[in-house]
Amino acid sequence: MQVGRLGRNCDYEGIHFDHERYEQPSPPSSIHPALFSLEDRITHGGQVSSNRTPIEVYTDGSKINDQMGSAFCVIANEAITKTWKAKLSPANTVLKAEMLALKAAIEWANTANEDVNIWSDSESSLQALKSFNVKSKISQEAQMTLLENARIRVGWVKAHIGIKGNEIADTLAKEATMDGIPASLPFPKFS
């Protein structure tokens, strides 16, 4: 049932559906295509930059037993300096969990006043972040923050090969399925 598209609340087989709890497509980007300059700041598809910065942020999303978690960790000078975890509704997707982690990491990096590399093992999230035509509000908000701050770069890392920061983010995302701060996100429109 596409309650979000229906645009009103309804009851079906004894279950109440509130249309406002479902994600609505965001309007097209208000950024002129000529100003959408993220292609050189987001790498994916196996391209891992060798340009390390003093601050490296690793993100991840996880699903365990229908529970969703999202997390990031900040590593500066080989030490973990910050962690963040959020728990999503089971109706959300792993892609949404990955995007939430990226968005939260980008927002944090925007306050750092330093060059920051953000790493994700989700190629689909990076492709969405790089896309001019993305309809997801989370992706659009992350794009806007990236466009405001040229000191933030986002890249892909291969999962589960022993990269310390990525393994920590993976553990945090799994923990977040149980004890993360509840994230208030609309359900996907085709839940």
N, C-alpha and C. Protein backbone atom coordinates (compact mmCIF):
# COMPACT_ATOMS: atom_id res chain seq x y z
N MET A 1 0.85 -1.17 0.00
CA MET A 1 0.00 0.00 0.00
C MET A 1 0.90 1.24 0.00
N GLN A 2 0.61 2.19 -0.83
CA GLN A 2 1.42 3.39 -0.95
C GLN A 2 0.73 4.55 -0.24
N VAL A 3 0.79 4.52 1.10
CA VAL A 3 0.12 5.52 1.92
C VAL A 3 0.70 6.90 1.68
N GLY A 4 2.03 6.98 1.54
CA GLY A 4 2.65 8.28 1.30
C GLY A 4 2.15 8.93 0.03
N ARG A 5 1.99 8.14 -1.01
CA ARG A 5 1.49 8.66 -2.28
C ARG A 5 0.02 9.04 -2.17
N LEU A 6 -0.74 8.29 -1.39
CA LEU A 6 -2.16 8.56 -1.20
C LEU A 6 -2.35 9.96 -0.61
N GLY A 7 -1.45 10.36 0.28
CA GLY A 7 -1.50 11.71 0.84
C GLY A 7 -2.52 11.90 1.94
N ARG A 8 -2.99 10.81 2.50
CA ARG A 8 -3.90 10.92 3.64
C ARG A 8 -3.77 9.67 4.49
N ASN A 9 -4.22 9.77 5.73
CA ASN A 9 -4.17 8.63 6.64
C ASN A 9 -5.22 7.61 6.22
N CYS A 10 -4.97 6.35 6.55
CA CYS A 10 -5.96 5.32 6.26
C CYS A 10 -5.76 4.14 7.20
N ASP A 11 -6.76 3.30 7.26
CA ASP A 11 -6.70 2.06 8.03
C ASP A 11 -6.83 0.90 7.05
N TYR A 12 -6.02 -0.13 7.27
CA TYR A 12 -6.06 -1.30 6.41
C TYR A 12 -5.87 -2.53 7.28
N GLU A 13 -6.81 -3.43 7.23
CA GLU A 13 -6.78 -4.66 8.01
C GLU A 13 -6.44 -4.39 9.47
N GLY A 14 -7.07 -3.37 10.03
CA GLY A 14 -6.90 -3.05 11.44
C GLY A 14 -5.64 -2.30 11.80
N ILE A 15 -4.86 -1.91 10.80
CA ILE A 15 -3.61 -1.17 11.04
C ILE A 15 -3.80 0.25 10.55
N HIS A 16 -3.42 1.22 11.40
CA HIS A 16 -3.53 2.64 11.03
C HIS A 16 -2.22 3.08 10.37
N PHE A 17 -2.34 3.73 9.23
CA PHE A 17 -1.19 4.26 8.51
C PHE A 17 -1.28 5.78 8.47
N ASP A 18 -0.26 6.44 8.99
CA ASP A 18 -0.20 7.89 9.00
C ASP A 18 0.69 8.32 7.83
N HIS A 19 0.12 8.98 6.84
CA HIS A 19 0.88 9.31 5.62
C HIS A 19 2.07 10.22 5.89
N GLU A 20 2.04 10.99 6.98
CA GLU A 20 3.15 11.91 7.27
C GLU A 20 4.39 11.17 7.79
N ARG A 21 4.25 9.90 8.15
CA ARG A 21 5.39 9.13 8.64
C ARG A 21 6.19 8.51 7.49
N TYR A 22 5.71 8.68 6.27
CA TYR A 22 6.37 8.08 5.11
C TYR A 22 7.13 9.13 4.32
N GLU A 23 8.28 8.73 3.83
CA GLU A 23 9.15 9.63 3.09
C GLU A 23 8.48 10.09 1.80
N GLN A 24 8.57 11.38 1.57
CA GLN A 24 8.07 11.97 0.33
C GLN A 24 9.28 12.37 -0.51
N PRO A 25 9.20 12.23 -1.82
CA PRO A 25 10.33 12.65 -2.64
C PRO A 25 10.61 14.14 -2.44
N SER A 26 11.87 14.47 -2.31
CA SER A 26 12.24 15.87 -2.17
C SER A 26 12.14 16.55 -3.53
N PRO A 27 11.89 17.85 -3.53
CA PRO A 27 11.89 18.56 -4.81
C PRO A 27 13.28 18.50 -5.44
N PRO A 28 13.36 18.72 -6.73
CA PRO A 28 14.68 18.71 -7.38
C PRO A 28 15.62 19.71 -6.71
N SER A 29 16.89 19.44 -6.82
CA SER A 29 17.90 20.29 -6.22
C SER A 29 17.76 21.73 -6.71
N SER A 30 17.96 22.65 -5.78
CA SER A 30 17.91 24.07 -6.14
C SER A 30 19.28 24.58 -6.59
N ILE A 31 20.24 23.70 -6.64
CA ILE A 31 21.60 24.06 -7.05
C ILE A 31 21.69 24.02 -8.57
N HIS A 32 22.27 25.03 -9.14
CA HIS A 32 22.48 25.02 -10.58
C HIS A 32 23.50 23.92 -10.91
N PRO A 33 23.26 23.14 -11.97
CA PRO A 33 24.17 22.04 -12.31
C PRO A 33 25.63 22.47 -12.44
N ALA A 34 25.88 23.69 -12.90
CA ALA A 34 27.25 24.15 -13.06
C ALA A 34 27.95 24.34 -11.71
N LEU A 35 27.17 24.51 -10.64
CA LEU A 35 27.74 24.71 -9.31
C LEU A 35 27.80 23.41 -8.51
N PHE A 36 27.29 22.34 -9.06
CA PHE A 36 27.28 21.04 -8.38
C PHE A 36 28.63 20.38 -8.62
N SER A 37 29.59 20.66 -7.75
CA SER A 37 30.98 20.26 -7.98
C SER A 37 31.44 19.21 -6.97
N LEU A 38 30.75 18.09 -6.91
CA LEU A 38 31.13 17.05 -5.95
C LEU A 38 31.90 15.90 -6.59
N GLU A 39 31.95 15.84 -7.92
CA GLU A 39 32.57 14.70 -8.59
C GLU A 39 34.01 14.47 -8.16
N ASP A 40 34.77 15.54 -7.97
CA ASP A 40 36.17 15.40 -7.61
C ASP A 40 36.38 15.22 -6.11
N ARG A 41 35.32 15.31 -5.31
CA ARG A 41 35.46 15.20 -3.85
C ARG A 41 34.84 13.93 -3.30
N ILE A 42 34.22 13.13 -4.17
CA ILE A 42 33.63 11.86 -3.75
C ILE A 42 34.19 10.78 -4.67
N THR A 43 34.88 9.80 -4.09
CA THR A 43 35.42 8.70 -4.88
C THR A 43 34.74 7.40 -4.47
N HIS A 44 34.50 6.54 -5.44
CA HIS A 44 33.93 5.23 -5.13
C HIS A 44 34.35 4.25 -6.21
N GLY A 45 33.92 3.03 -6.07
CA GLY A 45 34.26 2.02 -7.07
C GLY A 45 35.69 1.53 -6.96
N GLY A 46 36.20 1.47 -5.75
CA GLY A 46 37.54 0.94 -5.55
C GLY A 46 38.63 1.98 -5.57
N GLN A 47 38.27 3.23 -5.72
CA GLN A 47 39.27 4.29 -5.75
C GLN A 47 39.48 4.82 -4.33
N VAL A 48 40.53 4.38 -3.68
CA VAL A 48 40.81 4.86 -2.34
C VAL A 48 41.95 5.86 -2.44
N SER A 49 41.69 7.06 -1.98
CA SER A 49 42.70 8.11 -2.04
C SER A 49 43.84 7.80 -1.08
N SER A 50 45.04 8.11 -1.49
CA SER A 50 46.18 7.93 -0.59
C SER A 50 46.44 9.20 0.21
N ASN A 51 45.65 10.24 -0.03
CA ASN A 51 45.82 11.50 0.69
C ASN A 51 45.17 11.41 2.06
N ARG A 52 45.93 11.06 3.05
CA ARG A 52 45.42 10.98 4.41
C ARG A 52 45.44 12.37 5.03
N THR A 53 44.50 12.59 5.93
CA THR A 53 44.42 13.85 6.66
C THR A 53 44.58 13.53 8.14
N PRO A 54 44.84 14.55 8.96
CA PRO A 54 44.94 14.28 10.40
C PRO A 54 43.64 13.73 10.99
N ILE A 55 42.52 14.01 10.33
CA ILE A 55 41.23 13.53 10.82
C ILE A 55 40.61 12.62 9.77
N GLU A 56 40.35 11.38 10.18
CA GLU A 56 39.71 10.39 9.32
C GLU A 56 38.42 9.95 10.01
N VAL A 57 37.31 9.96 9.27
CA VAL A 57 36.01 9.56 9.82
C VAL A 57 35.53 8.34 9.04
N TYR A 58 35.07 7.33 9.75
CA TYR A 58 34.56 6.11 9.13
C TYR A 58 33.09 5.95 9.49
N THR A 59 32.28 5.58 8.50
CA THR A 59 30.83 5.46 8.70
C THR A 59 30.36 4.05 8.36
N ASP A 60 29.22 3.67 8.93
CA ASP A 60 28.63 2.39 8.56
C ASP A 60 27.17 2.33 8.99
N GLY A 61 26.43 1.46 8.33
CA GLY A 61 25.05 1.15 8.69
C GLY A 61 24.94 -0.36 8.82
N SER A 62 24.01 -0.82 9.64
CA SER A 62 23.90 -2.25 9.89
C SER A 62 22.46 -2.66 10.14
N LYS A 63 22.16 -3.91 9.80
CA LYS A 63 20.86 -4.50 10.10
C LYS A 63 21.10 -5.85 10.74
N ILE A 64 20.56 -6.02 11.95
CA ILE A 64 20.67 -7.29 12.67
C ILE A 64 19.30 -7.63 13.23
N ASN A 65 18.78 -8.79 12.87
CA ASN A 65 17.47 -9.24 13.36
C ASN A 65 16.40 -8.16 13.20
N ASP A 66 16.32 -7.58 12.03
CA ASP A 66 15.34 -6.53 11.70
C ASP A 66 15.54 -5.24 12.48
N GLN A 67 16.66 -5.07 13.14
CA GLN A 67 16.98 -3.82 13.83
C GLN A 67 18.03 -3.09 13.01
N MET A 68 17.86 -1.76 12.88
CA MET A 68 18.75 -0.96 12.04
C MET A 68 19.62 -0.05 12.89
N GLY A 69 20.90 0.06 12.54
CA GLY A 69 21.81 0.94 13.25
C GLY A 69 22.67 1.73 12.28
N SER A 70 23.11 2.90 12.73
CA SER A 70 23.91 3.81 11.93
C SER A 70 24.98 4.39 12.85
N ALA A 71 26.21 4.54 12.35
CA ALA A 71 27.27 5.02 13.23
C ALA A 71 28.42 5.64 12.45
N PHE A 72 29.21 6.46 13.18
CA PHE A 72 30.50 6.89 12.66
C PHE A 72 31.48 7.03 13.80
N CYS A 73 32.77 6.96 13.47
CA CYS A 73 33.82 7.21 14.45
C CYS A 73 34.85 8.15 13.82
N VAL A 74 35.42 8.98 14.67
CA VAL A 74 36.44 9.94 14.25
C VAL A 74 37.78 9.46 14.81
N ILE A 75 38.77 9.38 13.94
CA ILE A 75 40.11 9.00 14.37
C ILE A 75 41.05 10.15 14.03
N ALA A 76 41.70 10.67 15.06
CA ALA A 76 42.67 11.75 14.89
C ALA A 76 43.96 11.33 15.58
N ASN A 77 45.06 11.41 14.88
CA ASN A 77 46.36 11.01 15.42
C ASN A 77 46.32 9.61 16.01
N GLU A 78 45.71 8.68 15.26
CA GLU A 78 45.63 7.26 15.62
C GLU A 78 44.75 6.97 16.85
N ALA A 79 44.02 7.96 17.36
CA ALA A 79 43.14 7.74 18.52
C ALA A 79 41.69 8.04 18.15
N ILE A 80 40.77 7.28 18.72
CA ILE A 80 39.35 7.55 18.52
C ILE A 80 38.99 8.76 19.37
N THR A 81 38.52 9.82 18.72
CA THR A 81 38.19 11.05 19.45
C THR A 81 36.70 11.30 19.56
N LYS A 82 35.90 10.62 18.74
CA LYS A 82 34.45 10.79 18.81
C LYS A 82 33.78 9.57 18.19
N THR A 83 32.64 9.20 18.79
CA THR A 83 31.78 8.19 18.19
C THR A 83 30.35 8.70 18.21
N TRP A 84 29.56 8.21 17.28
CA TRP A 84 28.14 8.59 17.18
C TRP A 84 27.37 7.36 16.74
N LYS A 85 26.22 7.11 17.38
CA LYS A 85 25.39 5.96 17.02
C LYS A 85 23.92 6.37 17.02
N ALA A 86 23.16 5.83 16.07
CA ALA A 86 21.72 6.06 16.02
C ALA A 86 21.02 4.76 15.65
N LYS A 87 19.84 4.58 16.22
CA LYS A 87 19.01 3.42 15.93
C LYS A 87 17.84 3.88 15.07
N LEU A 88 17.61 3.19 13.97
CA LEU A 88 16.53 3.53 13.05
C LEU A 88 15.38 2.56 13.23
N SER A 89 14.23 2.97 12.78
CA SER A 89 13.06 2.10 12.77
C SER A 89 13.34 0.89 11.89
N PRO A 90 12.84 -0.29 12.26
CA PRO A 90 13.04 -1.47 11.42
C PRO A 90 12.46 -1.32 10.01
N ALA A 91 11.55 -0.36 9.81
CA ALA A 91 10.97 -0.15 8.48
C ALA A 91 11.96 0.51 7.52
N ASN A 92 13.05 1.06 8.05
CA ASN A 92 14.04 1.71 7.19
C ASN A 92 14.96 0.67 6.56
N THR A 93 15.78 1.12 5.63
CA THR A 93 16.67 0.22 4.88
C THR A 93 18.12 0.41 5.31
N VAL A 94 18.96 -0.55 4.96
CA VAL A 94 20.38 -0.41 5.25
C VAL A 94 20.95 0.79 4.50
N LEU A 95 20.48 1.04 3.27
CA LEU A 95 20.93 2.22 2.53
C LEU A 95 20.61 3.50 3.30
N LYS A 96 19.43 3.57 3.89
CA LYS A 96 19.07 4.76 4.68
C LYS A 96 19.99 4.87 5.90
N ALA A 97 20.32 3.73 6.54
CA ALA A 97 21.24 3.74 7.68
C ALA A 97 22.63 4.22 7.26
N GLU A 98 23.10 3.75 6.11
CA GLU A 98 24.40 4.18 5.59
C GLU A 98 24.39 5.69 5.28
N MET A 99 23.31 6.17 4.65
CA MET A 99 23.21 7.59 4.30
C MET A 99 23.13 8.46 5.55
N LEU A 100 22.39 8.00 6.57
CA LEU A 100 22.30 8.76 7.81
C LEU A 100 23.68 8.90 8.45
N ALA A 101 24.46 7.82 8.46
CA ALA A 101 25.81 7.87 9.01
C ALA A 101 26.68 8.86 8.23
N LEU A 102 26.59 8.82 6.91
CA LEU A 102 27.36 9.77 6.08
C LEU A 102 26.94 11.21 6.36
N LYS A 103 25.63 11.44 6.41
CA LYS A 103 25.14 12.80 6.66
C LYS A 103 25.62 13.31 8.02
N ALA A 104 25.50 12.47 9.05
CA ALA A 104 25.93 12.88 10.39
C ALA A 104 27.44 13.15 10.42
N ALA A 105 28.22 12.32 9.74
CA ALA A 105 29.67 12.52 9.69
C ALA A 105 30.02 13.80 8.93
N ILE A 106 29.33 14.07 7.85
CA ILE A 106 29.57 15.29 7.07
C ILE A 106 29.22 16.52 7.91
N GLU A 107 28.11 16.46 8.62
CA GLU A 107 27.73 17.58 9.49
C GLU A 107 28.77 17.80 10.58
N TRP A 108 29.27 16.70 11.17
CA TRP A 108 30.32 16.84 12.18
C TRP A 108 31.57 17.44 11.55
N ALA A 109 31.99 16.93 10.41
CA ALA A 109 33.21 17.40 9.74
C ALA A 109 33.11 18.88 9.38
N ASN A 110 31.92 19.34 9.10
CA ASN A 110 31.72 20.75 8.75
C ASN A 110 32.09 21.68 9.90
N THR A 111 32.10 21.16 11.13
CA THR A 111 32.44 21.98 12.29
C THR A 111 33.91 21.87 12.67
N ALA A 112 34.67 21.02 12.00
CA ALA A 112 36.04 20.70 12.41
C ALA A 112 37.08 21.77 12.05
N ASN A 113 36.83 22.61 11.07
CA ASN A 113 37.79 23.62 10.63
C ASN A 113 39.14 23.03 10.23
N GLU A 114 39.12 21.82 9.72
CA GLU A 114 40.33 21.14 9.23
C GLU A 114 39.95 20.29 8.03
N ASP A 115 40.96 19.84 7.30
CA ASP A 115 40.71 18.88 6.23
C ASP A 115 40.27 17.56 6.86
N VAL A 116 39.21 16.98 6.33
CA VAL A 116 38.67 15.73 6.87
C VAL A 116 38.37 14.78 5.72
N ASN A 117 38.80 13.54 5.86
CA ASN A 117 38.41 12.47 4.94
C ASN A 117 37.34 11.65 5.63
N ILE A 118 36.24 11.40 4.94
CA ILE A 118 35.18 10.54 5.44
C ILE A 118 35.15 9.30 4.56
N TRP A 119 35.12 8.13 5.20
CA TRP A 119 35.19 6.86 4.49
C TRP A 119 33.94 6.04 4.72
N SER A 120 33.44 5.43 3.65
CA SER A 120 32.27 4.55 3.72
C SER A 120 32.55 3.30 2.90
N ASP A 121 31.99 2.18 3.34
CA ASP A 121 32.12 0.96 2.54
C ASP A 121 30.86 0.71 1.69
N SER A 122 30.00 1.72 1.61
CA SER A 122 28.75 1.60 0.85
C SER A 122 28.86 2.36 -0.48
N GLU A 123 29.14 1.61 -1.55
CA GLU A 123 29.24 2.26 -2.86
C GLU A 123 27.92 2.88 -3.29
N SER A 124 26.80 2.25 -2.95
CA SER A 124 25.50 2.80 -3.35
C SER A 124 25.23 4.14 -2.66
N SER A 125 25.66 4.28 -1.42
CA SER A 125 25.49 5.56 -0.72
C SER A 125 26.34 6.65 -1.37
N LEU A 126 27.56 6.29 -1.74
CA LEU A 126 28.44 7.26 -2.38
C LEU A 126 27.92 7.66 -3.75
N GLN A 127 27.36 6.71 -4.48
CA GLN A 127 26.77 7.04 -5.78
C GLN A 127 25.58 7.98 -5.61
N ALA A 128 24.76 7.74 -4.59
CA ALA A 128 23.62 8.63 -4.33
C ALA A 128 24.11 10.02 -3.96
N LEU A 129 25.16 10.09 -3.14
CA LEU A 129 25.70 11.37 -2.71
C LEU A 129 26.27 12.16 -3.88
N LYS A 130 26.79 11.46 -4.85
CA LYS A 130 27.41 12.09 -6.02
C LYS A 130 26.40 12.49 -7.09
N SER A 131 25.18 11.97 -6.99
CA SER A 131 24.17 12.16 -8.03
C SER A 131 23.47 13.52 -7.91
N PHE A 132 23.37 14.22 -9.02
CA PHE A 132 22.67 15.51 -9.04
C PHE A 132 21.16 15.31 -8.92
N ASN A 133 20.65 14.18 -9.38
CA ASN A 133 19.21 13.94 -9.44
C ASN A 133 18.66 13.16 -8.26
N VAL A 134 19.37 13.08 -7.16
CA VAL A 134 18.92 12.31 -6.01
C VAL A 134 17.64 12.93 -5.42
N LYS A 135 16.70 12.09 -5.00
CA LYS A 135 15.42 12.56 -4.46
C LYS A 135 15.35 12.45 -2.94
N SER A 136 16.31 11.79 -2.33
CA SER A 136 16.31 11.58 -0.88
C SER A 136 16.70 12.86 -0.15
N LYS A 137 15.89 13.23 0.83
CA LYS A 137 16.16 14.44 1.60
C LYS A 137 17.48 14.33 2.36
N ILE A 138 17.76 13.16 2.93
CA ILE A 138 19.02 12.97 3.65
C ILE A 138 20.21 13.20 2.71
N SER A 139 20.15 12.63 1.52
CA SER A 139 21.24 12.79 0.56
C SER A 139 21.39 14.25 0.14
N GLN A 140 20.28 14.92 -0.13
CA GLN A 140 20.34 16.32 -0.54
C GLN A 140 20.93 17.20 0.56
N GLU A 141 20.56 16.95 1.82
CA GLU A 141 21.11 17.73 2.93
C GLU A 141 22.61 17.50 3.07
N ALA A 142 23.04 16.25 2.91
CA ALA A 142 24.47 15.95 2.97
C ALA A 142 25.21 16.64 1.82
N GLN A 143 24.63 16.63 0.63
CA GLN A 143 25.23 17.30 -0.52
C GLN A 143 25.40 18.80 -0.26
N MET A 144 24.38 19.43 0.29
CA MET A 144 24.45 20.87 0.55
C MET A 144 25.59 21.19 1.51
N THR A 145 25.74 20.39 2.55
CA THR A 145 26.83 20.62 3.51
C THR A 145 28.18 20.41 2.84
N LEU A 146 28.30 19.38 2.02
CA LEU A 146 29.55 19.15 1.29
C LEU A 146 29.90 20.32 0.37
N LEU A 147 28.90 20.85 -0.30
CA LEU A 147 29.13 21.97 -1.21
C LEU A 147 29.57 23.23 -0.47
N GLU A 148 29.18 23.35 0.79
CA GLU A 148 29.56 24.51 1.60
C GLU A 148 31.01 24.44 2.08
N ASN A 149 31.58 23.23 2.14
CA ASN A 149 32.89 23.06 2.77
C ASN A 149 33.80 22.20 1.89
N ALA A 150 34.71 22.84 1.20
CA ALA A 150 35.62 22.14 0.29
C ALA A 150 36.70 21.36 1.02
N ARG A 151 36.76 21.47 2.35
CA ARG A 151 37.79 20.75 3.11
C ARG A 151 37.37 19.32 3.45
N ILE A 152 36.16 18.95 3.07
CA ILE A 152 35.65 17.61 3.35
C ILE A 152 35.70 16.78 2.07
N ARG A 153 36.31 15.60 2.16
CA ARG A 153 36.33 14.65 1.05
C ARG A 153 35.72 13.34 1.53
N VAL A 154 35.05 12.67 0.61
CA VAL A 154 34.37 11.41 0.94
C VAL A 154 34.89 10.33 0.00
N GLY A 155 35.20 9.17 0.56
CA GLY A 155 35.74 8.09 -0.26
C GLY A 155 35.27 6.72 0.17
N TRP A 156 35.54 5.76 -0.70
CA TRP A 156 35.13 4.38 -0.48
C TRP A 156 36.29 3.57 0.07
N VAL A 157 35.97 2.68 1.02
CA VAL A 157 36.92 1.69 1.50
C VAL A 157 36.26 0.32 1.40
N LYS A 158 37.06 -0.67 1.14
CA LYS A 158 36.54 -2.04 1.07
C LYS A 158 36.22 -2.52 2.49
N ALA A 159 35.08 -3.18 2.63
CA ALA A 159 34.64 -3.65 3.94
C ALA A 159 35.38 -4.92 4.36
N HIS A 160 35.53 -5.08 5.65
CA HIS A 160 35.99 -6.32 6.28
C HIS A 160 37.34 -6.82 5.78
N ILE A 161 38.27 -5.88 5.62
CA ILE A 161 39.63 -6.30 5.26
C ILE A 161 40.64 -5.81 6.31
N GLY A 162 40.13 -5.42 7.48
CA GLY A 162 41.01 -5.06 8.58
C GLY A 162 41.37 -3.59 8.68
N ILE A 163 40.70 -2.72 7.97
CA ILE A 163 40.95 -1.29 8.13
C ILE A 163 40.37 -0.87 9.48
N LYS A 164 41.24 -0.42 10.38
CA LYS A 164 40.86 -0.18 11.78
C LYS A 164 39.61 0.68 11.91
N GLY A 165 39.58 1.83 11.30
CA GLY A 165 38.44 2.74 11.43
C GLY A 165 37.16 2.14 10.90
N ASN A 166 37.25 1.42 9.78
CA ASN A 166 36.06 0.80 9.21
C ASN A 166 35.53 -0.31 10.11
N GLU A 167 36.43 -1.07 10.70
CA GLU A 167 36.01 -2.14 11.62
C GLU A 167 35.35 -1.55 12.87
N ILE A 168 35.86 -0.43 13.36
CA ILE A 168 35.26 0.23 14.53
C ILE A 168 33.87 0.74 14.17
N ALA A 169 33.73 1.39 13.02
CA ALA A 169 32.42 1.89 12.59
C ALA A 169 31.43 0.74 12.42
N ASP A 170 31.89 -0.39 11.90
CA ASP A 170 31.04 -1.57 11.73
C ASP A 170 30.54 -2.06 13.09
N THR A 171 31.43 -2.14 14.06
CA THR A 171 31.05 -2.56 15.42
C THR A 171 30.06 -1.58 16.03
N LEU A 172 30.32 -0.28 15.88
CA LEU A 172 29.41 0.74 16.42
C LEU A 172 28.03 0.65 15.79
N ALA A 173 27.97 0.43 14.48
CA ALA A 173 26.68 0.33 13.79
C ALA A 173 25.90 -0.89 14.28
N LYS A 174 26.60 -1.99 14.53
CA LYS A 174 25.94 -3.18 15.08
C LYS A 174 25.44 -2.91 16.49
N GLU A 175 26.25 -2.22 17.30
CA GLU A 175 25.82 -1.85 18.66
C GLU A 175 24.60 -0.93 18.59
N ALA A 176 24.59 -0.04 17.61
CA ALA A 176 23.50 0.94 17.49
C ALA A 176 22.16 0.27 17.25
N THR A 177 22.16 -0.95 16.68
CA THR A 177 20.89 -1.65 16.48
C THR A 177 20.21 -1.93 17.82
N MET A 178 21.00 -1.96 18.89
CA MET A 178 20.46 -2.23 20.22
C MET A 178 20.38 -0.98 21.10
N ASP A 179 21.43 -0.12 21.05
CA ASP A 179 21.48 0.97 22.02
C ASP A 179 21.75 2.35 21.43
N GLY A 180 21.53 2.52 20.14
CA GLY A 180 21.75 3.83 19.53
C GLY A 180 20.67 4.83 19.91
N ILE A 181 20.97 6.09 19.78
CA ILE A 181 19.98 7.15 19.99
C ILE A 181 18.91 7.00 18.92
N PRO A 182 17.62 6.95 19.29
CA PRO A 182 16.59 6.78 18.26
C PRO A 182 16.60 7.92 17.24
N ALA A 183 16.67 7.56 15.98
CA ALA A 183 16.65 8.54 14.89
C ALA A 183 15.22 8.65 14.37
N SER A 184 14.75 9.85 14.26
CA SER A 184 13.39 10.08 13.77
C SER A 184 13.44 10.34 12.27
N LEU A 185 13.27 9.28 11.50
CA LEU A 185 13.29 9.38 10.04
C LEU A 185 11.98 8.86 9.49
N PRO A 186 11.51 9.44 8.39
CA PRO A 186 10.31 8.89 7.77
C PRO A 186 10.59 7.49 7.22
N PHE A 187 9.56 6.67 7.19
CA PHE A 187 9.70 5.34 6.61
C PHE A 187 9.92 5.49 5.11
N PRO A 188 10.61 4.52 4.50
CA PRO A 188 10.72 4.55 3.04
C PRO A 188 9.34 4.53 2.42
N LYS A 189 9.19 5.15 1.27
CA LYS A 189 7.86 5.27 0.68
C LYS A 189 7.26 3.94 0.24
N PHE A 190 8.07 2.91 0.05
CA PHE A 190 7.54 1.61 -0.34
C PHE A 190 7.75 0.60 0.77
N SER A 191 7.45 0.98 2.00
CA SER A 191 7.65 0.12 3.16
C SER A 191 6.64 -1.01 3.19
